[in-house]
Amino acid sequence: MSETNVYVGNLSWNTTEEELRVFFAAHGALKSVRIVKDRETSRSRGFGFIEFVNEDDAHKALVEDGQPLGGRPLRVSLAARQQNGNGGGHRPGNGEKRGPRRSSRPRTTYGDEG
């Protein structure tokens, strides 16, 4: 599995994707730069992702962890990969047990769950 995606956290709300592109381009060719934004307000959520063309360049960029950008020390690490496209968590498939079903009705002292 290639590790070309880098997580960048602790971004100033004023940091732009172009500023990130310029900042990280010193480490190698970039495929994409994305700052994650709030759906309702379109305001930065304070983190983003840099995708490098090759894995070595992504690893070189990790030296930027703790370096300032926009007056804040960056948090830089390899981005965690989603395992199955549903947010990284595991959902039971066919034949796998799911947890107990929860009824919306409260249990009674007589044990009738209705």
N, C-alpha and C. Protein backbone atom coordinates (compact mmCIF):
# COMPACT_ATOMS: atom_id res chain seq x y z
N MET A 1 0.85 -1.18 0.00
CA MET A 1 0.00 0.00 0.00
C MET A 1 0.89 1.23 0.00
N SER A 2 0.66 2.12 -0.93
CA SER A 2 1.51 3.29 -0.98
C SER A 2 1.05 4.33 0.04
N GLU A 3 1.99 5.05 0.58
CA GLU A 3 1.71 6.06 1.58
C GLU A 3 2.08 7.42 1.02
N THR A 4 1.21 7.93 0.17
CA THR A 4 1.49 9.22 -0.46
C THR A 4 0.64 10.35 0.11
N ASN A 5 -0.30 10.03 0.98
CA ASN A 5 -1.17 11.05 1.57
C ASN A 5 -0.64 11.48 2.93
N VAL A 6 -0.61 12.80 3.13
CA VAL A 6 -0.12 13.37 4.38
C VAL A 6 -1.25 14.18 5.02
N TYR A 7 -1.46 13.95 6.30
CA TYR A 7 -2.43 14.71 7.08
C TYR A 7 -1.73 15.95 7.61
N VAL A 8 -2.38 17.10 7.53
CA VAL A 8 -1.84 18.36 8.08
C VAL A 8 -2.91 18.95 8.99
N GLY A 9 -2.59 19.04 10.28
CA GLY A 9 -3.54 19.56 11.25
C GLY A 9 -3.05 20.82 11.92
N ASN A 10 -3.91 21.38 12.74
CA ASN A 10 -3.65 22.62 13.48
C ASN A 10 -3.46 23.81 12.54
N LEU A 11 -4.21 23.79 11.45
CA LEU A 11 -4.14 24.89 10.49
C LEU A 11 -4.91 26.10 11.00
N SER A 12 -4.39 27.26 10.70
CA SER A 12 -5.13 28.49 10.95
C SER A 12 -6.34 28.49 10.02
N TRP A 13 -7.45 29.05 10.49
CA TRP A 13 -8.64 29.12 9.64
C TRP A 13 -8.40 29.97 8.41
N ASN A 14 -7.36 30.80 8.42
CA ASN A 14 -7.06 31.67 7.28
C ASN A 14 -6.13 31.03 6.26
N THR A 15 -5.57 29.86 6.57
CA THR A 15 -4.65 29.20 5.64
C THR A 15 -5.41 28.74 4.40
N THR A 16 -4.82 28.99 3.24
CA THR A 16 -5.44 28.60 1.97
C THR A 16 -4.78 27.35 1.41
N GLU A 17 -5.46 26.71 0.48
CA GLU A 17 -4.89 25.54 -0.19
C GLU A 17 -3.64 25.93 -0.97
N GLU A 18 -3.64 27.12 -1.54
CA GLU A 18 -2.45 27.58 -2.29
C GLU A 18 -1.25 27.74 -1.36
N GLU A 19 -1.46 28.28 -0.15
CA GLU A 19 -0.36 28.41 0.81
C GLU A 19 0.20 27.04 1.18
N LEU A 20 -0.69 26.07 1.38
CA LEU A 20 -0.23 24.70 1.68
C LEU A 20 0.55 24.12 0.51
N ARG A 21 0.05 24.36 -0.71
CA ARG A 21 0.73 23.85 -1.91
C ARG A 21 2.15 24.39 -1.99
N VAL A 22 2.32 25.68 -1.79
CA VAL A 22 3.65 26.30 -1.85
C VAL A 22 4.53 25.77 -0.72
N PHE A 23 3.97 25.65 0.48
CA PHE A 23 4.73 25.21 1.65
C PHE A 23 5.26 23.78 1.47
N PHE A 24 4.43 22.87 0.94
CA PHE A 24 4.83 21.47 0.83
C PHE A 24 5.47 21.11 -0.49
N ALA A 25 5.38 21.97 -1.51
CA ALA A 25 5.99 21.68 -2.81
C ALA A 25 7.51 21.57 -2.72
N ALA A 26 8.09 22.13 -1.69
CA ALA A 26 9.55 22.03 -1.51
C ALA A 26 9.99 20.59 -1.29
N HIS A 27 9.06 19.71 -0.93
CA HIS A 27 9.41 18.31 -0.65
C HIS A 27 9.18 17.39 -1.84
N GLY A 28 8.54 17.87 -2.88
CA GLY A 28 8.33 17.04 -4.06
C GLY A 28 7.05 17.41 -4.79
N ALA A 29 6.80 16.68 -5.88
CA ALA A 29 5.63 16.95 -6.71
C ALA A 29 4.35 16.55 -5.98
N LEU A 30 3.33 17.41 -6.10
CA LEU A 30 2.06 17.18 -5.42
C LEU A 30 0.98 16.79 -6.42
N LYS A 31 0.13 15.85 -6.02
CA LYS A 31 -1.05 15.50 -6.82
C LYS A 31 -2.22 16.39 -6.45
N SER A 32 -2.41 16.58 -5.15
CA SER A 32 -3.56 17.39 -4.71
C SER A 32 -3.33 17.97 -3.33
N VAL A 33 -4.05 19.04 -3.05
CA VAL A 33 -4.05 19.71 -1.75
C VAL A 33 -5.50 20.00 -1.43
N ARG A 34 -5.93 19.61 -0.21
CA ARG A 34 -7.33 19.83 0.15
C ARG A 34 -7.43 20.21 1.61
N ILE A 35 -8.07 21.33 1.89
CA ILE A 35 -8.40 21.72 3.25
C ILE A 35 -9.85 21.32 3.48
N VAL A 36 -10.11 20.59 4.55
CA VAL A 36 -11.46 20.14 4.86
C VAL A 36 -12.25 21.31 5.43
N LYS A 37 -13.46 21.50 4.88
CA LYS A 37 -14.30 22.64 5.29
C LYS A 37 -15.63 22.16 5.85
N ASP A 38 -16.19 22.97 6.73
CA ASP A 38 -17.50 22.70 7.29
C ASP A 38 -18.54 22.81 6.19
N ARG A 39 -19.45 21.85 6.13
CA ARG A 39 -20.46 21.84 5.06
C ARG A 39 -21.40 23.03 5.12
N GLU A 40 -21.76 23.43 6.32
CA GLU A 40 -22.74 24.50 6.45
C GLU A 40 -22.15 25.89 6.30
N THR A 41 -20.96 26.11 6.85
CA THR A 41 -20.38 27.46 6.86
C THR A 41 -19.27 27.65 5.84
N SER A 42 -18.76 26.58 5.26
CA SER A 42 -17.62 26.59 4.32
C SER A 42 -16.34 27.10 4.98
N ARG A 43 -16.33 27.14 6.30
CA ARG A 43 -15.14 27.56 7.04
C ARG A 43 -14.21 26.37 7.24
N SER A 44 -12.91 26.61 7.20
CA SER A 44 -11.93 25.56 7.41
C SER A 44 -12.18 24.86 8.73
N ARG A 45 -11.99 23.54 8.75
CA ARG A 45 -12.11 22.79 9.99
C ARG A 45 -10.74 22.65 10.67
N GLY A 46 -9.72 23.26 10.08
CA GLY A 46 -8.41 23.30 10.72
C GLY A 46 -7.49 22.14 10.36
N PHE A 47 -7.86 21.36 9.35
CA PHE A 47 -6.97 20.29 8.89
C PHE A 47 -7.18 20.04 7.41
N GLY A 48 -6.22 19.33 6.83
CA GLY A 48 -6.31 19.04 5.41
C GLY A 48 -5.42 17.88 5.03
N PHE A 49 -5.32 17.62 3.73
CA PHE A 49 -4.54 16.50 3.21
C PHE A 49 -3.73 16.94 2.00
N ILE A 50 -2.51 16.47 1.96
CA ILE A 50 -1.62 16.71 0.82
C ILE A 50 -1.35 15.35 0.20
N GLU A 51 -1.55 15.21 -1.09
CA GLU A 51 -1.22 13.96 -1.76
C GLU A 51 -0.01 14.19 -2.65
N PHE A 52 1.04 13.45 -2.38
CA PHE A 52 2.28 13.54 -3.14
C PHE A 52 2.26 12.53 -4.28
N VAL A 53 3.06 12.81 -5.31
CA VAL A 53 3.17 11.89 -6.44
C VAL A 53 3.85 10.60 -6.01
N ASN A 54 4.90 10.71 -5.17
CA ASN A 54 5.55 9.48 -4.74
C ASN A 54 5.72 9.43 -3.22
N GLU A 55 5.86 8.23 -2.75
CA GLU A 55 5.91 7.94 -1.32
C GLU A 55 7.11 8.58 -0.62
N ASP A 56 8.26 8.58 -1.25
CA ASP A 56 9.46 9.16 -0.64
C ASP A 56 9.26 10.65 -0.31
N ASP A 57 8.63 11.37 -1.22
CA ASP A 57 8.38 12.79 -0.99
C ASP A 57 7.42 13.00 0.18
N ALA A 58 6.42 12.13 0.30
CA ALA A 58 5.48 12.23 1.42
C ALA A 58 6.22 12.03 2.74
N HIS A 59 7.13 11.08 2.77
CA HIS A 59 7.91 10.84 3.99
C HIS A 59 8.83 12.01 4.31
N LYS A 60 9.38 12.64 3.28
CA LYS A 60 10.24 13.82 3.49
C LYS A 60 9.46 14.97 4.12
N ALA A 61 8.18 15.10 3.77
CA ALA A 61 7.35 16.19 4.27
C ALA A 61 7.06 16.08 5.76
N LEU A 62 7.28 14.92 6.34
CA LEU A 62 7.00 14.73 7.77
C LEU A 62 7.90 15.58 8.66
N VAL A 63 9.00 16.09 8.09
CA VAL A 63 9.89 16.96 8.88
C VAL A 63 9.22 18.28 9.23
N GLU A 64 8.11 18.60 8.58
CA GLU A 64 7.41 19.85 8.83
C GLU A 64 6.55 19.80 10.10
N ASP A 65 6.45 18.62 10.73
CA ASP A 65 5.68 18.51 11.96
C ASP A 65 6.23 19.47 13.01
N GLY A 66 5.38 20.32 13.53
CA GLY A 66 5.77 21.31 14.53
C GLY A 66 6.25 22.63 13.97
N GLN A 67 6.46 22.71 12.67
CA GLN A 67 6.90 23.96 12.05
C GLN A 67 5.73 24.93 11.93
N PRO A 68 5.99 26.23 12.07
CA PRO A 68 4.89 27.19 12.02
C PRO A 68 4.42 27.51 10.60
N LEU A 69 3.10 27.68 10.49
CA LEU A 69 2.49 28.18 9.27
C LEU A 69 1.26 28.97 9.72
N GLY A 70 1.19 30.22 9.33
CA GLY A 70 0.07 31.06 9.74
C GLY A 70 0.02 31.28 11.24
N GLY A 71 1.18 31.27 11.87
CA GLY A 71 1.25 31.52 13.30
C GLY A 71 0.92 30.32 14.18
N ARG A 72 0.79 29.14 13.58
CA ARG A 72 0.46 27.94 14.36
C ARG A 72 1.41 26.81 14.02
N PRO A 73 1.80 26.00 15.00
CA PRO A 73 2.66 24.85 14.72
C PRO A 73 1.85 23.73 14.04
N LEU A 74 2.29 23.31 12.88
CA LEU A 74 1.58 22.28 12.13
C LEU A 74 1.71 20.91 12.79
N ARG A 75 0.71 20.09 12.60
CA ARG A 75 0.76 18.68 12.97
C ARG A 75 0.76 17.92 11.65
N VAL A 76 1.85 17.23 11.36
CA VAL A 76 2.01 16.56 10.07
C VAL A 76 2.29 15.08 10.31
N SER A 77 1.51 14.23 9.65
CA SER A 77 1.72 12.78 9.75
C SER A 77 1.19 12.11 8.49
N LEU A 78 1.53 10.85 8.30
CA LEU A 78 0.95 10.11 7.19
C LEU A 78 -0.53 9.95 7.48
N ALA A 79 -1.35 10.13 6.46
CA ALA A 79 -2.79 10.03 6.63
C ALA A 79 -3.18 8.58 6.85
N ALA A 80 -4.10 8.35 7.78
CA ALA A 80 -4.60 6.99 8.02
C ALA A 80 -5.46 6.58 6.83
N ARG A 81 -5.30 5.37 6.40
CA ARG A 81 -6.08 4.86 5.27
C ARG A 81 -7.39 4.29 5.76
N GLN A 82 -8.47 4.55 5.03
CA GLN A 82 -9.74 3.90 5.35
C GLN A 82 -9.66 2.47 4.86
N GLN A 83 -10.14 1.56 5.67
CA GLN A 83 -10.05 0.14 5.34
C GLN A 83 -11.08 -0.31 4.32
N ASN A 84 -12.32 0.18 4.44
CA ASN A 84 -13.37 -0.34 3.57
C ASN A 84 -14.32 0.72 3.04
N GLY A 85 -13.92 1.96 3.09
CA GLY A 85 -14.72 3.01 2.48
C GLY A 85 -15.91 3.48 3.30
N ASN A 86 -16.06 2.98 4.52
CA ASN A 86 -17.20 3.44 5.32
C ASN A 86 -16.73 4.17 6.57
N GLY A 87 -15.69 4.94 6.44
CA GLY A 87 -15.22 5.72 7.56
C GLY A 87 -14.15 5.01 8.37
N GLY A 88 -13.64 3.90 7.87
CA GLY A 88 -12.56 3.21 8.56
C GLY A 88 -13.03 2.19 9.56
N GLY A 89 -14.27 2.24 9.97
CA GLY A 89 -14.77 1.27 10.93
C GLY A 89 -15.20 -0.01 10.23
N HIS A 90 -15.49 -1.04 11.01
CA HIS A 90 -15.92 -2.31 10.43
C HIS A 90 -17.41 -2.49 10.67
N ARG A 91 -18.12 -2.81 9.62
CA ARG A 91 -19.53 -3.13 9.76
C ARG A 91 -19.71 -4.61 9.45
N PRO A 92 -20.47 -5.31 10.26
CA PRO A 92 -20.65 -6.74 10.02
C PRO A 92 -21.29 -7.01 8.67
N GLY A 93 -20.81 -8.01 7.99
CA GLY A 93 -21.36 -8.41 6.71
C GLY A 93 -22.25 -9.62 6.86
N ASN A 94 -22.52 -10.33 5.77
CA ASN A 94 -23.36 -11.52 5.81
C ASN A 94 -22.77 -12.55 6.74
N GLY A 95 -23.61 -13.10 7.60
CA GLY A 95 -23.17 -14.16 8.48
C GLY A 95 -22.48 -13.69 9.75
N GLU A 96 -22.12 -12.41 9.82
CA GLU A 96 -21.47 -11.91 11.02
C GLU A 96 -22.51 -11.41 11.99
N LYS A 97 -22.22 -11.62 13.27
CA LYS A 97 -23.16 -11.19 14.30
C LYS A 97 -23.13 -9.68 14.46
N ARG A 98 -24.28 -9.15 14.61
CA ARG A 98 -24.42 -7.75 14.97
C ARG A 98 -24.72 -7.70 16.46
N GLY A 99 -24.62 -6.53 17.03
CA GLY A 99 -24.92 -6.38 18.45
C GLY A 99 -26.39 -6.61 18.72
N PRO A 100 -26.77 -6.67 19.98
CA PRO A 100 -28.18 -6.90 20.30
C PRO A 100 -29.04 -5.74 19.82
N ARG A 101 -30.24 -6.07 19.39
CA ARG A 101 -31.17 -5.02 18.96
C ARG A 101 -31.68 -4.28 20.17
N ARG A 102 -31.85 -3.02 20.01
CA ARG A 102 -32.37 -2.19 21.09
C ARG A 102 -33.80 -1.80 20.75
N SER A 103 -34.67 -2.03 21.68
CA SER A 103 -36.06 -1.64 21.50
C SER A 103 -36.23 -0.20 21.95
N SER A 104 -37.12 0.52 21.31
CA SER A 104 -37.36 1.89 21.74
C SER A 104 -38.27 1.91 22.97
N ARG A 105 -38.89 0.76 23.28
CA ARG A 105 -39.75 0.68 24.46
C ARG A 105 -38.94 0.28 25.67
N PRO A 106 -39.21 0.89 26.79
CA PRO A 106 -38.46 0.53 28.01
C PRO A 106 -38.86 -0.85 28.50
N ARG A 107 -37.91 -1.52 29.13
CA ARG A 107 -38.20 -2.82 29.73
C ARG A 107 -39.04 -2.61 30.98
N THR A 108 -39.85 -3.57 31.27
CA THR A 108 -40.65 -3.50 32.48
C THR A 108 -40.09 -4.45 33.52
N THR A 109 -40.57 -4.36 34.72
CA THR A 109 -40.10 -5.26 35.77
C THR A 109 -40.63 -6.66 35.57
N TYR A 110 -41.61 -6.85 34.68
CA TYR A 110 -42.18 -8.16 34.44
C TYR A 110 -41.49 -8.89 33.29
N GLY A 111 -40.55 -8.24 32.65
CA GLY A 111 -39.77 -8.89 31.59
C GLY A 111 -40.46 -8.89 30.24
N ASP A 112 -41.61 -8.29 30.11
CA ASP A 112 -42.25 -8.25 28.79
C ASP A 112 -41.72 -7.04 28.02
N GLU A 113 -41.01 -7.35 26.96
CA GLU A 113 -40.40 -6.27 26.17
C GLU A 113 -41.32 -5.84 25.05
N GLY A 114 -42.44 -6.52 24.93
CA GLY A 114 -43.47 -6.13 24.00
C GLY A 114 -43.12 -6.27 22.61
